[in-house]
PDB file of N, CA and C in Angstrom:
ATOM      1  N   MET A   1     169.081 280.858 -33.296  1.00  0.00           N
ATOM      2  CA  MET A   1     170.326 279.997 -33.119  1.00  0.00           C
ATOM      3  C   MET A   1     171.396 281.106 -33.318  1.00  0.00           C
ATOM      4  N   LYS A   2     171.110 282.152 -34.719  1.00  0.00           N
ATOM      5  CA  LYS A   2     172.253 283.270 -34.854  1.00  0.00           C
ATOM      6  C   LYS A   2     172.622 284.032 -33.819  1.00  0.00           C
ATOM      7  N   ILE A   3     171.669 284.003 -32.736  1.00  0.00           N
ATOM      8  CA  ILE A   3     172.524 284.887 -31.449  1.00  0.00           C
ATOM      9  C   ILE A   3     173.046 284.027 -30.542  1.00  0.00           C
ATOM     10  N   ALA A   4     172.539 283.023 -30.517  1.00  0.00           N
ATOM     11  CA  ALA A   4     173.359 281.772 -29.571  1.00  0.00           C
ATOM     12  C   ALA A   4     174.812 281.743 -30.320  1.00  0.00           C
ATOM     13  N   THR A   5     175.058 281.546 -31.774  1.00  0.00           N
ATOM     14  CA  THR A   5     176.450 281.498 -32.146  1.00  0.00           C
ATOM     15  C   THR A   5     177.090 282.806 -31.918  1.00  0.00           C
ATOM     16  N   ILE A   6     176.728 283.892 -32.113  1.00  0.00           N
ATOM     17  CA  ILE A   6     177.218 285.167 -31.963  1.00  0.00           C
ATOM     18  C   ILE A   6     177.832 285.014 -30.400  1.00  0.00           C
ATOM     19  N   VAL A   7     176.940 285.139 -29.417  1.00  0.00           N
ATOM     20  CA  VAL A   7     177.414 284.810 -27.924  1.00  0.00           C
ATOM     21  C   VAL A   7     178.546 283.649 -27.484  1.00  0.00           C
ATOM     22  N   VAL A   8     178.512 282.556 -28.066  1.00  0.00           N
ATOM     23  CA  VAL A   8     179.336 281.408 -28.016  1.00  0.00           C
ATOM     24  C   VAL A   8     180.817 281.769 -28.798  1.00  0.00           C
ATOM     25  N   ARG A   9     180.627 282.610 -30.010  1.00  0.00           N
ATOM     26  CA  ARG A   9     181.618 282.938 -30.590  1.00  0.00           C
ATOM     27  C   ARG A   9     182.728 284.159 -29.602  1.00  0.00           C
ATOM     28  N   LEU A  10     181.762 284.915 -29.267  1.00  0.00           N
ATOM     29  CA  LEU A  10     182.375 286.099 -28.464  1.00  0.00           C
ATOM     30  C   LEU A  10     182.832 285.686 -27.100  1.00  0.00           C
ATOM     31  N   LEU A  11     182.196 284.515 -26.455  1.00  0.00           N
ATOM     32  CA  LEU A  11     182.566 284.070 -25.129  1.00  0.00           C
ATOM     33  C   LEU A  11     184.061 283.362 -25.226  1.00  0.00           C
ATOM     34  N   LEU A  12     183.969 282.383 -26.401  1.00  0.00           N
ATOM     35  CA  LEU A  12     185.318 281.613 -26.856  1.00  0.00           C
ATOM     36  C   LEU A  12     186.140 282.802 -27.359  1.00  0.00           C
ATOM     37  N   GLY A  13     185.933 283.457 -27.765  1.00  0.00           N
ATOM     38  CA  GLY A  13     186.943 284.574 -28.288  1.00  0.00           C
ATOM     39  C   GLY A  13     187.619 285.364 -27.257  1.00  0.00           C
ATOM     40  N   LEU A  14     187.059 285.637 -26.378  1.00  0.00           N
ATOM     41  CA  LEU A  14     187.432 286.428 -25.074  1.00  0.00           C
ATOM     42  C   LEU A  14     188.095 285.460 -24.366  1.00  0.00           C
ATOM     43  N   ALA A  15     187.658 284.466 -24.197  1.00  0.00           N
ATOM     44  CA  ALA A  15     188.669 283.546 -23.156  1.00  0.00           C
ATOM     45  C   ALA A  15     190.096 283.352 -23.912  1.00  0.00           C
ATOM     46  N   PHE A  16     189.630 283.288 -24.842  1.00  0.00           N
ATOM     47  CA  PHE A  16     191.396 282.904 -25.667  1.00  0.00           C
ATOM     48  C   PHE A  16     192.027 284.010 -25.828  1.00  0.00           C
ATOM     49  N   VAL A  17     191.401 285.275 -25.716  1.00  0.00           N
ATOM     50  CA  VAL A  17     192.266 286.632 -26.031  1.00  0.00           C
ATOM     51  C   VAL A  17     192.843 286.740 -24.402  1.00  0.00           C
ATOM     52  N   VAL A  18     192.083 286.547 -23.519  1.00  0.00           N
ATOM     53  CA  VAL A  18     192.454 286.977 -22.246  1.00  0.00           C
ATOM     54  C   VAL A  18     193.378 286.005 -21.873  1.00  0.00           C
ATOM     55  N   PHE A  19     193.481 284.695 -21.885  1.00  0.00           N
ATOM     56  CA  PHE A  19     194.342 283.458 -21.857  1.00  0.00           C
ATOM     57  C   PHE A  19     195.626 283.712 -22.668  1.00  0.00           C
ATOM     58  N   GLY A  20     195.416 284.304 -23.820  1.00  0.00           N
ATOM     59  CA  GLY A  20     196.484 284.512 -24.823  1.00  0.00           C
ATOM     60  C   GLY A  20     197.628 285.667 -24.315  1.00  0.00           C
ATOM     61  N   LEU A  21     196.859 286.768 -23.919  1.00  0.00           N
ATOM     62  CA  LEU A  21     197.445 287.829 -23.494  1.00  0.00           C
ATOM     63  C   LEU A  21     198.464 287.383 -22.094  1.00  0.00           C
ATOM     64  N   ASN A  22     197.477 286.672 -21.377  1.00  0.00           N
ATOM     65  CA  ASN A  22     198.080 286.321 -20.063  1.00  0.00           C
ATOM     66  C   ASN A  22     199.606 285.897 -20.119  1.00  0.00           C
ATOM     67  N   PHE A  23     199.886 284.866 -21.357  1.00  0.00           N
ATOM     68  CA  PHE A  23     201.217 284.452 -21.640  1.00  0.00           C
ATOM     69  C   PHE A  23     201.946 285.323 -21.610  1.00  0.00           C
ATOM     70  N   PHE A  24     201.790 286.656 -22.179  1.00  0.00           N
ATOM     71  CA  PHE A  24     202.762 287.853 -22.184  1.00  0.00           C
ATOM     72  C   PHE A  24     202.924 288.689 -21.124  1.00  0.00           C
ATOM     73  N   LEU A  25     201.390 288.933 -20.549  1.00  0.00           N
ATOM     74  CA  LEU A  25     201.392 290.065 -19.464  1.00  0.00           C
ATOM     75  C   LEU A  25     201.249 289.728 -18.093  1.00  0.00           C
ATOM     76  N   ASN A  26     201.225 288.524 -17.869  1.00  0.00           N
ATOM     77  CA  ASN A  26     201.087 287.871 -16.400  1.00  0.00           C
ATOM     78  C   ASN A  26     200.250 288.523 -15.444  1.00  0.00           C
ATOM     79  N   PHE A  27     198.868 289.060 -15.965  1.00  0.00           N
ATOM     80  CA  PHE A  27     197.949 289.812 -15.168  1.00  0.00           C
ATOM     81  C   PHE A  27     197.311 288.814 -14.265  1.00  0.00           C
ATOM     82  N   ILE A  28     196.877 287.282 -14.688  1.00  0.00           N
ATOM     83  CA  ILE A  28     196.400 286.352 -13.921  1.00  0.00           C
ATOM     84  C   ILE A  28     197.326 285.630 -12.894  1.00  0.00           C
ATOM     85  N   PRO A  29     197.713 285.521 -11.950  1.00  0.00           N
ATOM     86  CA  PRO A  29     198.463 284.573 -10.894  1.00  0.00           C
ATOM     87  C   PRO A  29     198.072 283.138 -11.389  1.00  0.00           C
ATOM     88  N   GLN A  30     199.820 282.812 -11.573  1.00  0.00           N
ATOM     89  CA  GLN A  30     199.347 281.616 -12.011  1.00  0.00           C
ATOM     90  C   GLN A  30     199.944 280.550 -10.709  1.00  0.00           C
ATOM     91  N   PRO A  31     199.158 279.492 -10.720  1.00  0.00           N
ATOM     92  CA  PRO A  31     199.107 278.826  -9.556  1.00  0.00           C
ATOM     93  C   PRO A  31     200.563 277.720  -9.448  1.00  0.00           C
ATOM     94  N   PRO A  32     200.997 277.532  -8.524  1.00  0.00           N
ATOM     95  CA  PRO A  32     202.480 276.555  -8.664  1.00  0.00           C
ATOM     96  C   PRO A  32     202.165 275.428  -9.575  1.00  0.00           C
ATOM     97  N   PRO A  33     203.430 274.799 -10.214  1.00  0.00           N
ATOM     98  CA  PRO A  33     202.906 273.836 -10.957  1.00  0.00           C
ATOM     99  C   PRO A  33     202.672 272.936 -10.250  1.00  0.00           C
ATOM    100  N   PRO A  34     201.557 271.821 -10.879  1.00  0.00           N
ATOM    101  CA  PRO A  34     201.494 270.495  -9.955  1.00  0.00           C
ATOM    102  C   PRO A  34     202.431 269.445  -9.561  1.00  0.00           C
ATOM    103  N   PRO A  35     202.261 268.753  -8.842  1.00  0.00           N
ATOM    104  CA  PRO A  35     203.609 267.654  -8.616  1.00  0.00           C
ATOM    105  C   PRO A  35     203.671 267.019  -9.816  1.00  0.00           C
ATOM    106  N   GLY A  36     204.826 266.355  -9.893  1.00  0.00           N
ATOM    107  CA  GLY A  36     205.023 265.002 -10.669  1.00  0.00           C
ATOM    108  C   GLY A  36     205.217 265.502 -12.239  1.00  0.00           C
ATOM    109  N   LEU A  37     204.942 264.682 -13.144  1.00  0.00           N
ATOM    110  CA  LEU A  37     205.280 264.964 -14.476  1.00  0.00           C
ATOM    111  C   LEU A  37     204.109 265.899 -14.985  1.00  0.00           C
ATOM    112  N   ALA A  38     203.330 266.408 -14.507  1.00  0.00           N
ATOM    113  CA  ALA A  38     202.506 267.434 -15.034  1.00  0.00           C
ATOM    114  C   ALA A  38     203.490 268.809 -14.670  1.00  0.00           C
ATOM    115  N   GLY A  39     203.694 269.044 -13.618  1.00  0.00           N
ATOM    116  CA  GLY A  39     204.634 269.963 -13.009  1.00  0.00           C
ATOM    117  C   GLY A  39     206.071 270.019 -13.919  1.00  0.00           C
ATOM    118  N   ASP A  40     206.705 268.783 -14.116  1.00  0.00           N
ATOM    119  CA  ASP A  40     207.878 268.832 -14.902  1.00  0.00           C
ATOM    120  C   ASP A  40     207.591 269.307 -16.536  1.00  0.00           C
ATOM    121  N   TYR A  41     206.360 269.005 -16.799  1.00  0.00           N
ATOM    122  CA  TYR A  41     205.803 269.567 -18.059  1.00  0.00           C
ATOM    123  C   TYR A  41     205.673 270.787 -18.326  1.00  0.00           C
ATOM    124  N   VAL A  42     205.004 271.561 -17.519  1.00  0.00           N
ATOM    125  CA  VAL A  42     204.856 272.897 -17.076  1.00  0.00           C
ATOM    126  C   VAL A  42     206.337 273.829 -17.215  1.00  0.00           C
ATOM    127  N   LYS A  43     207.273 273.291 -16.236  1.00  0.00           N
ATOM    128  CA  LYS A  43     208.573 274.003 -15.961  1.00  0.00           C
ATOM    129  C   LYS A  43     209.067 273.968 -17.643  1.00  0.00           C
ATOM    130  N   VAL A  44     209.033 272.957 -18.313  1.00  0.00           N
ATOM    131  CA  VAL A  44     209.861 272.835 -19.672  1.00  0.00           C
ATOM    132  C   VAL A  44     209.120 273.654 -20.613  1.00  0.00           C
ATOM    133  N   PHE A  45     207.829 273.920 -20.568  1.00  0.00           N
ATOM    134  CA  PHE A  45     207.004 274.609 -21.204  1.00  0.00           C
ATOM    135  C   PHE A  45     207.518 275.927 -21.098  1.00  0.00           C
ATOM    136  N   VAL A  46     207.504 276.585 -20.122  1.00  0.00           N
ATOM    137  CA  VAL A  46     207.862 277.788 -19.630  1.00  0.00           C
ATOM    138  C   VAL A  46     209.142 277.955 -19.849  1.00  0.00           C
ATOM    139  N   GLY A  47     210.240 276.910 -19.359  1.00  0.00           N
ATOM    140  CA  GLY A  47     211.403 277.307 -19.436  1.00  0.00           C
ATOM    141  C   GLY A  47     211.945 277.530 -20.783  1.00  0.00           C
ATOM    142  N   SER A  48     211.320 276.773 -21.703  1.00  0.00           N
ATOM    143  CA  SER A  48     211.608 276.745 -23.225  1.00  0.00           C
ATOM    144  C   SER A  48     211.489 278.150 -23.856  1.00  0.00           C
ATOM    145  N   HIS A  49     210.466 278.857 -23.143  1.00  0.00           N
ATOM    146  CA  HIS A  49     209.673 279.855 -23.938  1.00  0.00           C
ATOM    147  C   HIS A  49     208.582 279.554 -24.992  1.00  0.00           C
ATOM    148  N   TYR A  50     208.215 277.998 -24.760  1.00  0.00           N
ATOM    149  CA  TYR A  50     207.484 277.633 -25.870  1.00  0.00           C
ATOM    150  C   TYR A  50     206.063 278.408 -25.663  1.00  0.00           C
ATOM    151  N   HIS A  51     205.585 278.232 -24.526  1.00  0.00           N
ATOM    152  CA  HIS A  51     204.433 278.969 -24.159  1.00  0.00           C
ATOM    153  C   HIS A  51     204.142 280.355 -24.686  1.00  0.00           C
ATOM    154  N   TYR A  52     205.343 281.253 -25.415  1.00  0.00           N
ATOM    155  CA  TYR A  52     204.872 282.477 -26.003  1.00  0.00           C
ATOM    156  C   TYR A  52     204.379 282.233 -27.350  1.00  0.00           C
ATOM    157  N   ALA A  53     204.556 281.126 -28.188  1.00  0.00           N
ATOM    158  CA  ALA A  53     204.231 280.739 -29.397  1.00  0.00           C
ATOM    159  C   ALA A  53     202.745 280.089 -29.231  1.00  0.00           C
ATOM    160  N   VAL A  54     202.355 279.412 -28.294  1.00  0.00           N
ATOM    161  CA  VAL A  54     201.064 278.995 -27.787  1.00  0.00           C
ATOM    162  C   VAL A  54     199.981 280.069 -27.489  1.00  0.00           C
ATOM    163  N   GLY A  55     200.806 280.930 -26.765  1.00  0.00           N
ATOM    164  CA  GLY A  55     200.064 282.418 -26.439  1.00  0.00           C
ATOM    165  C   GLY A  55     199.516 283.089 -27.615  1.00  0.00           C
ATOM    166  N   ALA A  56     200.506 283.227 -28.316  1.00  0.00           N
ATOM    167  CA  ALA A  56     200.324 283.892 -29.653  1.00  0.00           C
ATOM    168  C   ALA A  56     199.215 283.070 -30.652  1.00  0.00           C
ATOM    169  N   MET A  57     199.117 281.848 -30.374  1.00  0.00           N
ATOM    170  CA  MET A  57     198.009 281.220 -31.271  1.00  0.00           C
ATOM    171  C   MET A  57     196.557 281.432 -30.691  1.00  0.00           C
ATOM    172  N   GLN A  58     196.932 281.344 -29.643  1.00  0.00           N
ATOM    173  CA  GLN A  58     195.465 281.722 -28.875  1.00  0.00           C
ATOM    174  C   GLN A  58     195.103 283.033 -28.820  1.00  0.00           C
ATOM    175  N   LEU A  59     195.569 283.942 -28.828  1.00  0.00           N
ATOM    176  CA  LEU A  59     195.462 285.471 -28.817  1.00  0.00           C
ATOM    177  C   LEU A  59     194.993 285.551 -30.437  1.00  0.00           C
ATOM    178  N   LEU A  60     195.806 285.253 -31.457  1.00  0.00           N
ATOM    179  CA  LEU A  60     195.372 285.253 -32.706  1.00  0.00           C
ATOM    180  C   LEU A  60     193.884 284.702 -33.148  1.00  0.00           C
ATOM    181  N   SER A  61     193.630 283.429 -32.642  1.00  0.00           N
ATOM    182  CA  SER A  61     192.373 282.414 -32.927  1.00  0.00           C
ATOM    183  C   SER A  61     191.370 283.427 -32.214  1.00  0.00           C
ATOM    184  N   GLY A  62     191.674 283.621 -30.682  1.00  0.00           N
ATOM    185  CA  GLY A  62     190.847 284.511 -30.067  1.00  0.00           C
ATOM    186  C   GLY A  62     190.336 285.799 -30.822  1.00  0.00           C
ATOM    187  N   LEU A  63     191.309 286.559 -31.134  1.00  0.00           N
ATOM    188  CA  LEU A  63     190.644 287.718 -31.965  1.00  0.00           C
ATOM    189  C   LEU A  63     190.005 287.459 -33.440  1.00  0.00           C
ATOM    190  N   LEU A  64     190.432 286.448 -34.036  1.00  0.00           N
ATOM    191  CA  LEU A  64     189.380 286.276 -34.967  1.00  0.00           C
ATOM    192  C   LEU A  64     188.366 285.839 -34.905  1.00  0.00           C
ATOM    193  N   LEU A  65     188.074 284.987 -33.713  1.00  0.00           N
ATOM    194  CA  LEU A  65     186.612 284.905 -33.464  1.00  0.00           C
ATOM    195  C   LEU A  65     186.029 286.093 -32.698  1.00  0.00           C
ATOM    196  N   LEU A  66     186.643 286.974 -32.252  1.00  0.00           N
ATOM    197  CA  LEU A  66     185.857 288.337 -31.288  1.00  0.00           C
ATOM    198  C   LEU A  66     185.509 289.115 -32.896  1.00  0.00           C
ATOM    199  N   ILE A  67     186.365 289.378 -33.738  1.00  0.00           N
ATOM    200  CA  ILE A  67     185.911 290.332 -34.897  1.00  0.00           C
ATOM    201  C   ILE A  67     184.889 289.517 -36.081  1.00  0.00           C
ATOM    202  N   GLY A  68     184.754 288.315 -35.635  1.00  0.00           N
ATOM    203  CA  GLY A  68     184.266 287.877 -36.801  1.00  0.00           C
ATOM    204  C   GLY A  68     184.378 287.523 -38.191  1.00  0.00           C
ATOM    205  N   ARG A  69     185.899 287.508 -38.359  1.00  0.00           N
ATOM    206  CA  ARG A  69     186.297 287.589 -39.623  1.00  0.00           C
ATOM    207  C   ARG A  69     187.341 286.133 -39.765  1.00  0.00           C
ATOM    208  N   PHE A  70     187.478 285.379 -40.481  1.00  0.00           N
ATOM    209  CA  PHE A  70     187.753 284.323 -40.753  1.00  0.00           C
ATOM    210  C   PHE A  70     187.764 283.410 -39.583  1.00  0.00           C
ATOM    211  N   VAL A  71     186.359 283.344 -39.185  1.00  0.00           N
ATOM    212  CA  VAL A  71     186.116 282.518 -38.048  1.00  0.00           C
ATOM    213  C   VAL A  71     186.821 280.770 -38.343  1.00  0.00           C
ATOM    214  N   PRO A  72     186.714 280.367 -39.263  1.00  0.00           N
ATOM    215  CA  PRO A  72     186.982 278.924 -39.560  1.00  0.00           C
ATOM    216  C   PRO A  72     188.364 278.761 -39.703  1.00  0.00           C
ATOM    217  N   LEU A  73     189.219 279.793 -39.857  1.00  0.00           N
ATOM    218  CA  LEU A  73     190.677 279.563 -39.553  1.00  0.00           C
ATOM    219  C   LEU A  73     190.687 279.726 -38.115  1.00  0.00           C
ATOM    220  N   GLY A  74     190.360 280.672 -37.151  1.00  0.00           N
ATOM    221  CA  GLY A  74     190.557 280.844 -35.701  1.00  0.00           C
ATOM    222  C   GLY A  74     190.181 279.435 -35.375  1.00  0.00           C
ATOM    223  N   LEU A  75     188.837 278.724 -35.634  1.00  0.00           N
ATOM    224  CA  LEU A  75     188.425 277.684 -35.115  1.00  0.00           C
ATOM    225  C   LEU A  75     189.670 276.345 -35.580  1.00  0.00           C
ATOM    226  N   THR A  76     190.282 276.638 -36.754  1.00  0.00           N
ATOM    227  CA  THR A  76     191.105 275.526 -36.770  1.00  0.00           C
ATOM    228  C   THR A  76     192.323 275.619 -35.939  1.00  0.00           C
ATOM    229  N   ILE A  77     192.816 276.743 -35.837  1.00  0.00           N
ATOM    230  CA  ILE A  77     194.181 276.926 -34.888  1.00  0.00           C
ATOM    231  C   ILE A  77     193.432 276.368 -33.410  1.00  0.00           C
ATOM    232  N   LEU A  78     192.406 276.729 -32.969  1.00  0.00           N
ATOM    233  CA  LEU A  78     191.807 276.573 -31.433  1.00  0.00           C
ATOM    234  C   LEU A  78     191.605 274.960 -31.426  1.00  0.00           C
ATOM    235  N   ALA A  79     191.402 274.388 -32.796  1.00  0.00           N
ATOM    236  CA  ALA A  79     191.277 272.877 -32.775  1.00  0.00           C
ATOM    237  C   ALA A  79     192.648 272.060 -32.003  1.00  0.00           C
ATOM    238  N   ALA A  80     193.838 272.508 -32.543  1.00  0.00           N
ATOM    239  CA  ALA A  80     195.151 271.930 -32.275  1.00  0.00           C
ATOM    240  C   ALA A  80     195.356 272.593 -30.633  1.00  0.00           C
ATOM    241  N   ILE A  81     195.129 273.662 -30.382  1.00  0.00           N
ATOM    242  CA  ILE A  81     195.208 274.000 -28.959  1.00  0.00           C
ATOM    243  C   ILE A  81     194.438 273.200 -28.064  1.00  0.00           C
ATOM    244  N   LEU A  82     193.162 273.250 -28.314  1.00  0.00           N
ATOM    245  CA  LEU A  82     192.335 272.464 -27.528  1.00  0.00           C
ATOM    246  C   LEU A  82     192.529 270.874 -27.421  1.00  0.00           C
ATOM    247  N   TYR A  83     192.949 270.370 -28.415  1.00  0.00           N
ATOM    248  CA  TYR A  83     193.380 269.005 -28.419  1.00  0.00           C
ATOM    249  C   TYR A  83     194.566 269.098 -27.410  1.00  0.00           C
ATOM    250  N   ASN A  84     195.600 269.414 -27.268  1.00  0.00           N
ATOM    251  CA  ASN A  84     196.701 269.625 -26.515  1.00  0.00           C
ATOM    252  C   ASN A  84     196.314 269.753 -24.940  1.00  0.00           C
ATOM    253  N   ILE A  85     195.337 270.830 -24.773  1.00  0.00           N
ATOM    254  CA  ILE A  85     194.827 271.299 -23.546  1.00  0.00           C
ATOM    255  C   ILE A  85     194.339 269.970 -22.943  1.00  0.00           C
ATOM    256  N   LEU A  86     193.124 269.112 -23.735  1.00  0.00           N
ATOM    257  CA  LEU A  86     192.827 267.909 -23.299  1.00  0.00           C
ATOM    258  C   LEU A  86     193.431 266.511 -23.100  1.00  0.00           C
ATOM    259  N   VAL A  87     194.293 266.705 -24.071  1.00  0.00           N
ATOM    260  CA  VAL A  87     195.581 265.530 -23.895  1.00  0.00           C
ATOM    261  C   VAL A  87     196.573 265.490 -22.605  1.00  0.00           C
ATOM    262  N   PHE A  88     196.855 267.237 -22.472  1.00  0.00           N
ATOM    263  CA  PHE A  88     197.881 267.358 -21.212  1.00  0.00           C
ATOM    264  C   PHE A  88     196.965 266.712 -19.690  1.00  0.00           C
ATOM    265  N   HIS A  89     195.480 267.246 -19.853  1.00  0.00           N
ATOM    266  CA  HIS A  89     194.599 266.903 -18.641  1.00  0.00           C
ATOM    267  C   HIS A  89     194.406 265.303 -18.435  1.00  0.00           C
ATOM    268  N   LEU A  90     194.135 264.694 -19.711  1.00  0.00           N
ATOM    269  CA  LEU A  90     193.513 263.444 -19.650  1.00  0.00           C
ATOM    270  C   LEU A  90     194.541 262.425 -19.297  1.00  0.00           C
ATOM    271  N   THR A  91     195.842 262.850 -19.784  1.00  0.00           N
ATOM    272  CA  THR A  91     197.028 262.169 -19.322  1.00  0.00           C
ATOM    273  C   THR A  91     197.953 262.512 -18.125  1.00  0.00           C
ATOM    274  N   MET A  92     198.015 263.998 -17.468  1.00  0.00           N
ATOM    275  CA  MET A  92     198.756 264.504 -16.511  1.00  0.00           C
ATOM    276  C   MET A  92     198.054 264.794 -15.456  1.00  0.00           C
ATOM    277  N   ASP A  93     196.995 265.702 -15.700  1.00  0.00           N
ATOM    278  CA  ASP A  93     196.362 266.248 -14.336  1.00  0.00           C
ATOM    279  C   ASP A  93     195.023 266.345 -14.600  1.00  0.00           C
ATOM    280  N   PRO A  94     194.111 265.020 -14.537  1.00  0.00           N
ATOM    281  CA  PRO A  94     192.870 264.951 -14.767  1.00  0.00           C
ATOM    282  C   PRO A  94     191.996 266.036 -13.984  1.00  0.00           C
ATOM    283  N   PRO A  95     192.226 266.204 -12.587  1.00  0.00           N
ATOM    284  CA  PRO A  95     191.367 266.874 -11.847  1.00  0.00           C
ATOM    285  C   PRO A  95     190.975 268.311 -12.549  1.00  0.00           C
ATOM    286  N   GLY A  96     192.140 268.924 -13.304  1.00  0.00           N
ATOM    287  CA  GLY A  96     192.115 270.046 -14.216  1.00  0.00           C
ATOM    288  C   GLY A  96     191.363 270.467 -15.724  1.00  0.00           C
ATOM    289  N   ILE A  97     190.453 269.050 -15.954  1.00  0.00           N
ATOM    290  CA  ILE A  97     190.144 269.269 -17.352  1.00  0.00           C
ATOM    291  C   ILE A  97     188.938 269.695 -17.360  1.00  0.00           C
ATOM    292  N   GLY A  98     188.226 270.154 -16.313  1.00  0.00           N
ATOM    293  CA  GLY A  98     186.655 270.691 -16.598  1.00  0.00           C
ATOM    294  C   GLY A  98     186.454 271.994 -17.701  1.00  0.00           C
ATOM    295  N   PRO A  99     187.580 273.256 -17.343  1.00  0.00           N
ATOM    296  CA  PRO A  99     187.580 274.328 -18.275  1.00  0.00           C
ATOM    297  C   PRO A  99     187.952 273.835 -19.765  1.00  0.00           C
ATOM    298  N   GLY A 100     189.067 272.791 -19.804  1.00  0.00           N
ATOM    299  CA  GLY A 100     189.280 272.570 -21.367  1.00  0.00           C
ATOM    300  C   GLY A 100     187.897 271.869 -21.880  1.00  0.00           C
ATOM    301  N   VAL A 101     187.388 271.000 -21.064  1.00  0.00           N
ATOM    302  CA  VAL A 101     185.935 270.566 -21.654  1.00  0.00           C
ATOM    303  C   VAL A 101     185.116 271.437 -21.960  1.00  0.00           C
ATOM    304  N   PHE A 102     184.859 272.537 -21.237  1.00  0.00           N
ATOM    305  CA  PHE A 102     183.590 273.629 -21.380  1.00  0.00           C
ATOM    306  C   PHE A 102     184.348 274.305 -22.906  1.00  0.00           C
ATOM    307  N   ALA A 103     185.549 274.601 -22.799  1.00  0.00           N
ATOM    308  CA  ALA A 103     186.065 275.086 -24.098  1.00  0.00           C
ATOM    309  C   ALA A 103     185.651 274.225 -25.554  1.00  0.00           C
ATOM    310  N   THR A 104     186.141 273.009 -25.260  1.00  0.00           N
ATOM    311  CA  THR A 104     185.710 271.980 -26.415  1.00  0.00           C
ATOM    312  C   THR A 104     184.380 272.178 -26.796  1.00  0.00           C
ATOM    313  N   LEU A 105     183.585 272.089 -25.889  1.00  0.00           N
ATOM    314  CA  LEU A 105     181.922 271.900 -26.176  1.00  0.00           C
ATOM    315  C   LEU A 105     181.506 273.398 -26.806  1.00  0.00           C
ATOM    316  N   LEU A 106     182.255 274.319 -26.554  1.00  0.00           N
ATOM    317  CA  LEU A 106     181.900 275.636 -27.059  1.00  0.00           C
ATOM    318  C   LEU A 106     182.287 275.672 -28.381  1.00  0.00           C
ATOM    319  N   TRP A 107     183.620 275.231 -28.655  1.00  0.00           N
ATOM    320  CA  TRP A 107     184.235 275.267 -29.910  1.00  0.00           C
ATOM    321  C   TRP A 107     183.681 273.996 -31.070  1.00  0.00           C
ATOM    322  N   ALA A 108     183.214 272.773 -30.196  1.00  0.00           N
ATOM    323  CA  ALA A 108     182.135 272.291 -31.316  1.00  0.00           C
ATOM    324  C   ALA A 108     180.785 272.652 -31.755  1.00  0.00           C
ATOM    325  N   PHE A 109     180.225 273.439 -30.838  1.00  0.00           N
ATOM    326  CA  PHE A 109     179.078 273.961 -31.211  1.00  0.00           C
ATOM    327  C   PHE A 109     179.130 275.021 -32.158  1.00  0.00           C
ATOM    328  N   LEU A 110     180.497 275.860 -32.230  1.00  0.00           N
ATOM    329  CA  LEU A 110     180.843 276.905 -33.136  1.00  0.00           C
ATOM    330  C   LEU A 110     181.186 276.090 -34.661  1.00  0.00           C
ATOM    331  N   PHE A 111     182.076 274.871 -34.465  1.00  0.00           N
ATOM    332  CA  PHE A 111     182.311 274.191 -35.591  1.00  0.00           C
ATOM    333  C   PHE A 111     180.906 273.505 -36.098  1.00  0.00           C
ATOM    334  N   TRP A 112     179.947 273.167 -35.857  1.00  0.00           N
ATOM    335  CA  TRP A 112     178.876 272.744 -36.249  1.00  0.00           C
ATOM    336  C   TRP A 112     177.946 273.836 -36.854  1.00  0.00           C
ATOM    337  N   ARG A 113     177.935 275.106 -36.281  1.00  0.00           N
ATOM    338  CA  ARG A 113     177.357 276.075 -37.064  1.00  0.00           C
ATOM    339  C   ARG A 113     178.111 276.783 -38.460  1.00  0.00           C
ATOM    340  N   TYR A 114     179.325 276.439 -38.359  1.00  0.00           N
ATOM    341  CA  TYR A 114     180.319 276.894 -39.334  1.00  0.00           C
ATOM    342  C   TYR A 114     180.630 275.629 -40.351  1.00  0.00           C
ATOM    343  N   ARG A 115     179.916 274.553 -40.083  1.00  0.00           N
ATOM    344  CA  ARG A 115     180.227 273.340 -40.683  1.00  0.00           C
ATOM    345  C   ARG A 115     180.285 273.223 -42.346  1.00  0.00           C
ATOM    346  N   ASP A 116     179.651 274.235 -42.865  1.00  0.00           N
ATOM    347  CA  ASP A 116     179.562 274.205 -44.209  1.00  0.00           C
ATOM    348  C   ASP A 116     180.704 275.042 -44.946  1.00  0.00           C
ATOM    349  N   ARG A 117     181.626 275.807 -44.035  1.00  0.00           N
ATOM    350  CA  ARG A 117     182.945 276.187 -44.264  1.00  0.00           C
ATOM    351  C   ARG A 117     183.727 275.247 -44.608  1.00  0.00           C
ATOM    352  N   PHE A 118     183.228 274.101 -43.953  1.00  0.00           N
ATOM    353  CA  PHE A 118     184.635 272.736 -43.822  1.00  0.00           C
ATOM    354  C   PHE A 118     184.120 271.846 -44.566  1.00  0.00           C
ATOM    355  N   SER A 119     183.241 272.279 -45.569  1.00  0.00           N
ATOM    356  CA  SER A 119     182.718 270.904 -46.231  1.00  0.00           C
ATOM    357  C   SER A 119     183.944 270.467 -47.706  1.00  0.00           C
ATOM    358  N   GLY A 120     184.609 271.554 -47.876  1.00  0.00           N
ATOM    359  CA  GLY A 120     185.638 271.132 -48.899  1.00  0.00           C
ATOM    360  C   GLY A 120     186.787 270.112 -48.222  1.00  0.00           C
ATOM    361  N   ILE A 121     186.895 270.437 -47.238  1.00  0.00           N
ATOM    362  CA  ILE A 121     187.965 269.407 -46.391  1.00  0.00           C
ATOM    363  C   ILE A 121     187.635 268.138 -45.690  1.00  0.00           C
ATOM    364  N   LEU A 122     186.205 268.143 -45.504  1.00  0.00           N
ATOM    365  CA  LEU A 122     185.292 267.095 -44.951  1.00  0.00           C
ATOM    366  C   LEU A 122     184.948 266.183 -45.387  1.00  0.00           C
ATOM    367  N   SER A 123     184.853 266.429 -47.259  1.00  0.00           N
ATOM    368  CA  SER A 123     184.196 265.588 -48.086  1.00  0.00           C
ATOM    369  C   SER A 123     185.029 264.616 -48.781  1.00  0.00           C
ATOM    370  N   PRO A 124     185.030 263.236 -48.899  1.00  0.00           N
ATOM    371  CA  PRO A 124     185.612 262.261 -49.354  1.00  0.00           C
ATOM    372  C   PRO A 124     186.280 262.520 -50.837  1.00  0.00           C
TER     373      PRO A 124
END
């Protein structure tokens, strides 16, 4: 189980480092915004430069997972990011929810493996 934890931690960390860097370097071409409300949301998200803050948090949390230090902090930051990814897709773009669900499952596995580190905030 320890090897699975390391593999999942590295996979999730690498994914968020790559996509976090992409907010700044644009090395993965972005598809055109979807039509309707989802497209308007994406246009405002990018136009206001808020995506840089989200990209920085993705990059930071991904690096924390990759280096294996402060993994619970990285998981905590990722919880907020994944929540927003899921809510966006559930409410505005349901066909694109697959990668968000997959990342959330990886996150849940890591959270379960590091659950002892969260015992202080999860106990009544």
